[in-house]
């Protein structure tokens, strides 16, 4: 089989390419460029970020890896669509008082979208596109759908970030690491000499203050409670996120948390711990992945942020999305973030949180 592997130069993507070639496939590698040399956006504090000028150096290391592995290597420019799609969405959402997740959009629109299309346009021949993500794709013959499952190593599972992939995309994707534990992947990497044993591979979208990407000047505004009483002041609502406790600079008998952002009036709304709790969330802009509906009497596990273990809930489909009704209240459900529904290890569907109750 001809397989094109998305290579970042990190441990996971390199081991993926190695395993696929070892299995007898005809493998080639591709790296997408997303940093523009004349970018109007500032470079991150940390070079170890997805969006960073350091990708030029990473490209050379990846090319050397491909030479050693004996596979073809290609570099494709995705800078324009990345800026117009991911960064534009990121800025728009933040400036409207919402908290986006750029990795979700990058996966669906860029890594598994624009990059794959660019590879085809460049004349690259491949049957499947593979990456080093920790997740599994299983075809369900009964339903006729490709299902997205959690990785065997649940601590490394990345399915939350992949919920916007379409059936067409899932049918052409391979995740070679989905059945492996991270510790075993690292062991393979060290044994093959791809990277140093103590290599730091923590990678974020932007290693620095996200507000640097917004390119807006500070603007004084009020910090108010839920009744509108002014408690303090700030330099722009975009410097705050829902659920934030530190850095408010307000004396109060109990800790205060950010419970709302008013982009129109440039206000940050704060409240006590009990005011951060919600019983349900309204979700729109939905993608149905493994299934196309929910069972009314089933208890699902719903994650409203990537780092959470999820919360038990009933889920009801609506005309333009779904509503999640949690069995116990959740904390700081945030507009713009993703709510992803699981039935055991199966990712059922996901969408964007539009409101909380």
Protein backbone atom coordinates (compact mmCIF):
# COMPACT_ATOMS: atom_id res chain seq x y z
CA UNK A 1 0.00 0.00 0.00
CA UNK A 2 1.18 3.53 -0.77
CA UNK A 3 1.05 5.58 2.42
CA UNK A 4 1.83 9.26 2.90
CA UNK A 5 2.85 10.07 6.49
CA UNK A 6 2.51 13.53 7.97
CA UNK A 7 5.86 14.22 9.61
CA UNK A 8 6.49 16.87 12.24
CA UNK A 9 9.91 15.46 13.06
CA UNK A 10 8.78 14.38 16.51
CA UNK A 11 8.85 10.94 18.07
CA UNK A 12 5.29 9.92 17.25
CA UNK A 13 5.26 10.74 13.55
CA UNK A 14 8.72 9.24 12.98
CA UNK A 15 7.84 5.98 14.71
CA UNK A 16 4.61 5.86 12.70
CA UNK A 17 6.56 6.09 9.44
CA UNK A 18 9.01 3.44 10.63
CA UNK A 19 6.26 0.99 11.64
CA UNK A 20 4.41 1.42 8.36
CA UNK A 21 7.55 0.81 6.32
CA UNK A 22 8.49 -2.16 8.48
CA UNK A 23 5.09 -3.64 7.70
CA UNK A 24 5.98 -3.63 4.00
CA UNK A 25 4.22 -0.50 2.80
CA UNK A 26 5.56 1.99 0.30
CA UNK A 27 5.97 5.00 2.58
CA UNK A 28 6.72 8.64 1.86
CA UNK A 29 6.77 11.60 4.24
CA UNK A 30 5.33 15.08 4.05
CA UNK A 31 5.68 18.17 6.21
CA UNK A 32 3.33 21.14 6.03
CA UNK A 33 4.67 24.64 6.50
CA UNK A 34 2.34 26.93 8.46
CA UNK A 35 4.68 29.72 9.57
CA UNK A 36 5.05 32.60 7.09
CA UNK A 37 8.42 34.30 6.98
CA UNK A 38 6.68 37.66 6.68
CA UNK A 39 3.98 36.75 9.19
CA UNK A 40 2.35 39.70 10.95
CA UNK A 41 1.99 37.52 14.02
CA UNK A 42 4.78 37.47 16.64
CA UNK A 43 6.95 34.41 17.15
CA UNK A 44 6.10 32.41 20.30
CA UNK A 45 8.28 32.51 23.39
CA UNK A 46 8.92 28.78 23.04
CA UNK A 47 10.24 27.40 19.76
CA UNK A 48 8.65 24.05 20.64
CA UNK A 49 5.26 25.04 19.23
CA UNK A 50 3.23 24.06 16.18
CA UNK A 51 3.06 27.65 14.99
CA UNK A 52 6.70 28.71 15.09
CA UNK A 53 9.55 29.80 12.77
CA UNK A 54 11.54 26.91 14.24
CA UNK A 55 9.80 24.63 11.74
CA UNK A 56 12.55 25.49 9.23
CA UNK A 57 15.12 23.74 11.41
CA UNK A 58 12.69 20.89 12.08
CA UNK A 59 12.30 20.44 8.33
CA UNK A 60 16.02 19.77 7.89
CA UNK A 61 16.04 17.21 10.71
CA UNK A 62 13.00 15.49 9.26
CA UNK A 63 14.62 15.33 5.82
CA UNK A 64 17.63 13.62 7.40
CA UNK A 65 15.34 11.12 9.15
CA UNK A 66 13.69 10.27 5.82
CA UNK A 67 17.07 9.74 4.17
CA UNK A 68 18.06 7.30 6.91
CA UNK A 69 14.73 5.49 6.66
CA UNK A 70 14.98 5.40 2.87
CA UNK A 71 11.71 7.14 2.06
CA UNK A 72 10.82 10.09 -0.13
CA UNK A 73 10.24 13.42 1.59
CA UNK A 74 8.12 16.36 0.54
CA UNK A 75 7.46 19.81 2.00
CA UNK A 76 4.21 21.60 1.16
CA UNK A 77 3.29 25.20 1.84
CA UNK A 78 0.02 25.55 3.79
CA UNK A 79 0.78 28.98 5.25
CA UNK A 80 -1.93 30.96 3.49
CA UNK A 81 -4.82 28.65 4.33
CA UNK A 82 -3.54 28.17 7.88
CA UNK A 83 -3.53 31.91 8.46
CA UNK A 84 -6.91 32.49 6.81
CA UNK A 85 -8.58 29.50 8.47
CA UNK A 86 -7.05 28.69 11.85
CA UNK A 87 -5.62 32.05 12.91
CA UNK A 88 -8.55 34.06 11.55
CA UNK A 89 -11.02 31.82 13.42
CA UNK A 90 -8.89 32.02 16.56
CA UNK A 91 -8.84 35.82 16.53
CA UNK A 92 -12.51 36.15 15.65
CA UNK A 93 -13.63 33.83 18.43
CA UNK A 94 -11.45 35.47 21.10
CA UNK A 95 -12.57 38.97 20.18
CA UNK A 96 -16.18 37.85 20.50
CA UNK A 97 -15.63 36.71 24.08
CA UNK A 98 -15.28 33.04 23.23
CA UNK A 99 -12.44 30.57 23.80
CA UNK A 100 -11.60 28.59 20.64
CA UNK A 101 -9.60 25.41 20.27
CA UNK A 102 -7.32 25.96 17.24
CA UNK A 103 -6.05 22.34 17.25
CA UNK A 104 -9.55 21.05 16.45
CA UNK A 105 -9.84 23.28 13.38
CA UNK A 106 -6.27 22.65 12.28
CA UNK A 107 -6.80 18.88 12.24
CA UNK A 108 -10.01 18.95 10.23
CA UNK A 109 -9.22 21.84 7.87
CA UNK A 110 -5.44 21.73 7.52
CA UNK A 111 -3.68 18.49 8.51
CA UNK A 112 -6.34 16.15 7.16
CA UNK A 113 -7.79 18.66 4.70
CA UNK A 114 -5.61 21.23 2.96
CA UNK A 115 -2.40 19.23 3.36
CA UNK A 116 -3.89 16.10 1.82
CA UNK A 117 -5.37 18.09 -1.07
CA UNK A 118 -2.07 19.91 -1.62
CA UNK A 119 -0.29 16.55 -1.76
CA UNK A 120 -2.70 15.32 -4.44
CA UNK A 121 -2.28 18.53 -6.43
CA UNK A 122 1.49 18.10 -6.21
CA UNK A 123 1.12 14.72 -7.90
CA UNK A 124 1.91 12.56 -4.88
CA UNK A 125 0.36 9.09 -5.19
CA UNK A 126 -0.95 7.50 -2.00
CA UNK A 127 -3.81 5.29 -0.85
CA UNK A 128 -3.84 6.35 2.78
CA UNK A 129 -2.64 9.30 4.85
CA UNK A 130 -1.13 8.51 8.26
CA UNK A 131 -0.14 10.55 11.29
CA UNK A 132 1.24 9.93 14.77
CA UNK A 133 -2.02 10.73 16.56
CA UNK A 134 -3.13 8.50 19.41
CA UNK A 135 -6.58 7.33 18.34
CA UNK A 136 -8.14 4.41 16.47
CA UNK A 137 -10.37 4.12 13.41
CA UNK A 138 -12.59 1.04 13.19
CA UNK A 139 -15.05 0.28 10.40
CA UNK A 140 -18.44 -0.87 11.67
CA UNK A 141 -19.91 -3.18 9.03
CA UNK A 142 -23.33 -3.13 10.67
CA UNK A 143 -23.73 0.65 10.56
CA UNK A 144 -21.56 1.16 7.49
CA UNK A 145 -19.68 3.95 9.27
CA UNK A 146 -16.07 4.52 10.22
CA UNK A 147 -15.90 4.88 13.98
CA UNK A 148 -13.38 6.96 15.87
CA UNK A 149 -12.24 5.23 19.07
CA UNK A 150 -10.03 6.30 21.93
CA UNK A 151 -6.42 5.14 21.82
CA UNK A 152 -5.35 2.12 23.85
CA UNK A 153 -3.18 4.51 25.86
CA UNK A 154 -6.00 6.66 27.21
CA UNK A 155 -3.57 9.06 28.88
CA UNK A 156 -2.27 10.00 25.43
CA UNK A 157 -5.62 9.74 23.63
CA UNK A 158 -6.14 12.58 21.11
CA UNK A 159 -9.56 11.66 19.76
CA UNK A 160 -11.05 14.81 21.33
CA UNK A 161 -9.08 16.90 18.83
CA UNK A 162 -10.17 14.74 15.88
CA UNK A 163 -13.94 14.80 16.24
CA UNK A 164 -14.49 17.07 13.24
CA UNK A 165 -13.09 14.52 10.76
CA UNK A 166 -15.62 13.42 8.15
CA UNK A 167 -16.45 9.88 7.09
CA UNK A 168 -14.57 10.51 3.85
CA UNK A 169 -11.48 11.61 5.76
CA UNK A 170 -11.66 8.72 8.24
CA UNK A 171 -11.86 6.22 5.38
CA UNK A 172 -8.45 7.37 4.11
CA UNK A 173 -6.60 7.79 7.42
CA UNK A 174 -4.31 5.51 9.42
CA UNK A 175 -3.24 5.95 13.05
CA UNK A 176 -0.40 3.42 13.53
CA UNK A 177 0.06 4.32 17.21
CA UNK A 178 -3.55 3.85 18.26
CA UNK A 179 -2.95 0.36 19.61
CA UNK A 180 0.33 1.22 21.36
CA UNK A 181 1.34 2.67 24.71
CA UNK A 182 3.44 5.81 24.64
CA UNK A 183 6.17 4.12 26.66
CA UNK A 184 6.53 1.48 23.92
CA UNK A 185 6.63 4.13 21.21
CA UNK A 186 9.45 5.90 23.04
CA UNK A 187 11.27 2.59 23.41
CA UNK A 188 11.10 1.99 19.65
CA UNK A 189 12.32 5.52 18.99
CA UNK A 190 15.34 5.13 21.27
CA UNK A 191 16.21 1.68 19.95
CA UNK A 192 16.19 2.97 16.38
CA UNK A 193 18.15 6.08 17.32
CA UNK A 194 15.65 8.53 15.87
CA UNK A 195 15.86 10.96 18.81
CA UNK A 196 17.67 11.38 22.11
CA UNK A 197 16.14 9.47 25.00
CA UNK A 198 15.44 12.65 27.00
CA UNK A 199 13.95 14.59 24.08
CA UNK A 200 11.34 17.13 25.16
CA UNK A 201 8.37 16.82 22.84
CA UNK A 202 5.70 18.84 24.62
CA UNK A 203 4.07 20.80 21.83
CA UNK A 204 1.35 23.40 22.01
CA UNK A 205 -0.38 25.46 19.36
CA UNK A 206 1.46 28.62 20.45
CA UNK A 207 4.11 28.61 23.15
CA UNK A 208 3.35 31.95 24.73
CA UNK A 209 0.56 34.34 25.61
CA UNK A 210 -2.30 33.64 23.21
CA UNK A 211 -3.32 37.31 23.31
CA UNK A 212 -0.12 38.16 21.40
CA UNK A 213 -1.82 36.73 18.32
CA UNK A 214 -4.81 39.03 18.65
CA UNK A 215 -2.83 42.17 17.78
CA UNK A 216 -5.05 44.56 19.70
CA UNK A 217 -4.04 47.33 22.05
CA UNK A 218 -5.04 47.19 25.69
CA UNK A 219 -8.32 48.89 26.51
CA UNK A 220 -9.54 49.67 30.02
CA UNK A 221 -12.73 47.98 31.13
CA UNK A 222 -14.65 46.98 34.25
CA UNK A 223 -14.63 43.79 36.25
CA UNK A 224 -18.18 43.32 37.54
CA UNK A 225 -20.16 40.74 39.48
CA UNK A 226 -23.27 39.01 38.11
CA UNK A 227 -25.40 41.93 39.30
CA UNK A 228 -23.31 44.46 37.39
CA UNK A 229 -21.52 45.98 40.39
CA UNK A 230 -18.04 47.22 39.49
CA UNK A 231 -15.40 45.41 41.56
CA UNK A 232 -12.27 46.35 39.67
CA UNK A 233 -10.76 47.09 36.28
CA UNK A 234 -8.85 45.31 33.52
CA UNK A 235 -6.93 46.05 30.31
CA UNK A 236 -9.13 44.07 27.90
CA UNK A 237 -11.57 41.19 28.31
CA UNK A 238 -9.48 39.11 25.88
CA UNK A 239 -6.81 38.69 28.56
CA UNK A 240 -9.19 36.46 30.54
CA UNK A 241 -10.76 33.02 30.17
CA UNK A 242 -13.84 31.43 31.71
CA UNK A 243 -13.02 29.74 35.01
CA UNK A 244 -9.89 31.83 35.60
CA UNK A 245 -9.19 32.54 39.28
CA UNK A 246 -5.69 33.98 39.46
CA UNK A 247 -4.71 37.48 38.37
CA UNK A 248 -8.02 39.21 39.01
CA UNK A 249 -6.57 41.59 41.59
CA UNK A 250 -9.79 41.86 43.56
CA UNK A 251 -10.12 41.52 47.34
CA UNK A 252 -13.10 39.34 48.25
CA UNK A 253 -14.18 37.13 51.19
CA UNK A 254 -13.90 34.08 48.94
CA UNK A 255 -12.04 33.32 45.69
CA UNK A 256 -13.63 34.84 42.59
CA UNK A 257 -13.71 33.22 39.16
CA UNK A 258 -14.36 34.57 35.69
CA UNK A 259 -17.88 33.46 34.76
CA UNK A 260 -18.48 35.60 31.69
CA UNK A 261 -16.87 37.85 29.07
CA UNK A 262 -18.83 40.74 27.55
CA UNK A 263 -17.10 41.63 24.29
CA UNK A 264 -19.55 44.44 23.49
CA UNK A 265 -19.09 46.37 26.75
CA UNK A 266 -15.52 45.12 27.36
CA UNK A 267 -16.50 43.70 30.74
CA UNK A 268 -15.19 40.73 32.69
CA UNK A 269 -17.89 39.15 34.84
CA UNK A 270 -16.82 37.33 38.00
CA UNK A 271 -18.56 35.23 40.61
CA UNK A 272 -18.01 32.78 43.42
CA UNK A 273 -17.39 29.08 42.94
CA UNK A 274 -21.08 28.12 42.88
CA UNK A 275 -21.65 30.57 40.02
CA UNK A 276 -19.21 28.65 37.82
CA UNK A 277 -21.39 25.53 37.84
CA UNK A 278 -23.72 24.51 35.00
CA UNK A 279 -26.19 21.67 34.63
CA UNK A 280 -26.33 21.56 30.82
CA UNK A 281 -24.76 22.95 27.66
CA UNK A 282 -26.14 23.79 24.23
CA UNK A 283 -23.95 22.54 21.40
CA UNK A 284 -24.04 23.57 17.73
CA UNK A 285 -21.88 23.25 14.62
CA UNK A 286 -21.95 19.52 15.25
CA UNK A 287 -20.15 16.67 13.48
CA UNK A 288 -21.61 13.20 13.90
CA UNK A 289 -18.73 10.77 13.76
CA UNK A 290 -19.38 7.16 14.75
CA UNK A 291 -23.16 7.50 14.98
CA UNK A 292 -25.83 9.92 13.79
CA UNK A 293 -28.07 10.08 16.86
CA UNK A 294 -28.18 9.50 20.61
CA UNK A 295 -30.12 6.96 22.67
CA UNK A 296 -32.53 8.74 25.04
CA UNK A 297 -31.99 6.40 27.98
CA UNK A 298 -28.21 6.02 27.63
CA UNK A 299 -25.71 7.73 29.88
CA UNK A 300 -22.81 9.10 27.85
CA UNK A 301 -19.45 10.50 28.91
CA UNK A 302 -19.05 14.08 27.70
CA UNK A 303 -15.81 16.04 27.69
CA UNK A 304 -16.13 19.84 27.64
CA UNK A 305 -12.37 20.35 27.62
CA UNK A 306 -9.54 18.20 26.32
CA UNK A 307 -7.81 17.59 29.65
CA UNK A 308 -10.91 16.37 31.51
CA UNK A 309 -11.95 12.76 32.08
CA UNK A 310 -15.48 13.66 31.04
CA UNK A 311 -18.78 13.77 32.91
CA UNK A 312 -21.82 11.51 32.83
CA UNK A 313 -24.76 12.98 30.92
CA UNK A 314 -27.83 12.40 28.82
CA UNK A 315 -27.59 13.85 25.31
CA UNK A 316 -30.52 14.95 23.18
CA UNK A 317 -30.35 15.78 19.49
CA UNK A 318 -31.91 19.07 18.35
CA UNK A 319 -32.59 20.62 14.95
CA UNK A 320 -29.26 22.44 14.90
CA UNK A 321 -27.10 20.45 17.31
CA UNK A 322 -27.57 18.74 20.65
CA UNK A 323 -28.11 19.48 24.32
CA UNK A 324 -26.05 17.84 27.05
CA UNK A 325 -27.75 17.37 30.43
CA UNK A 326 -25.18 16.43 33.05
CA UNK A 327 -26.02 14.12 35.93
CA UNK A 328 -24.00 16.38 38.23
CA UNK A 329 -23.06 20.00 37.60
CA UNK A 330 -19.91 20.79 35.64
CA UNK A 331 -17.59 23.73 36.16
CA UNK A 332 -16.84 26.55 33.73
CA UNK A 333 -18.37 25.26 30.52
CA UNK A 334 -16.93 27.69 27.96
CA UNK A 335 -18.45 29.04 24.77
CA UNK A 336 -16.21 28.31 21.80
CA UNK A 337 -14.75 25.16 23.31
CA UNK A 338 -15.79 21.71 22.14
CA UNK A 339 -18.19 19.27 23.79
CA UNK A 340 -17.35 15.74 22.68
CA UNK A 341 -19.65 12.78 23.39
CA UNK A 342 -18.32 9.29 24.09
CA UNK A 343 -20.05 5.94 24.49
CA UNK A 344 -17.33 4.01 26.23
CA UNK A 345 -14.30 4.23 23.95
CA UNK A 346 -16.37 5.26 20.92
CA UNK A 347 -16.48 8.94 20.00
CA UNK A 348 -20.10 9.50 18.99
CA UNK A 349 -20.17 13.19 18.02
CA UNK A 350 -18.87 16.61 18.94
CA UNK A 351 -19.59 20.29 18.45
CA UNK A 352 -19.02 23.82 19.67
CA UNK A 353 -20.46 24.98 23.00
CA UNK A 354 -22.81 27.90 22.38
CA UNK A 355 -24.28 28.33 25.82
CA UNK A 356 -24.53 26.87 29.31
CA UNK A 357 -27.38 26.64 31.82
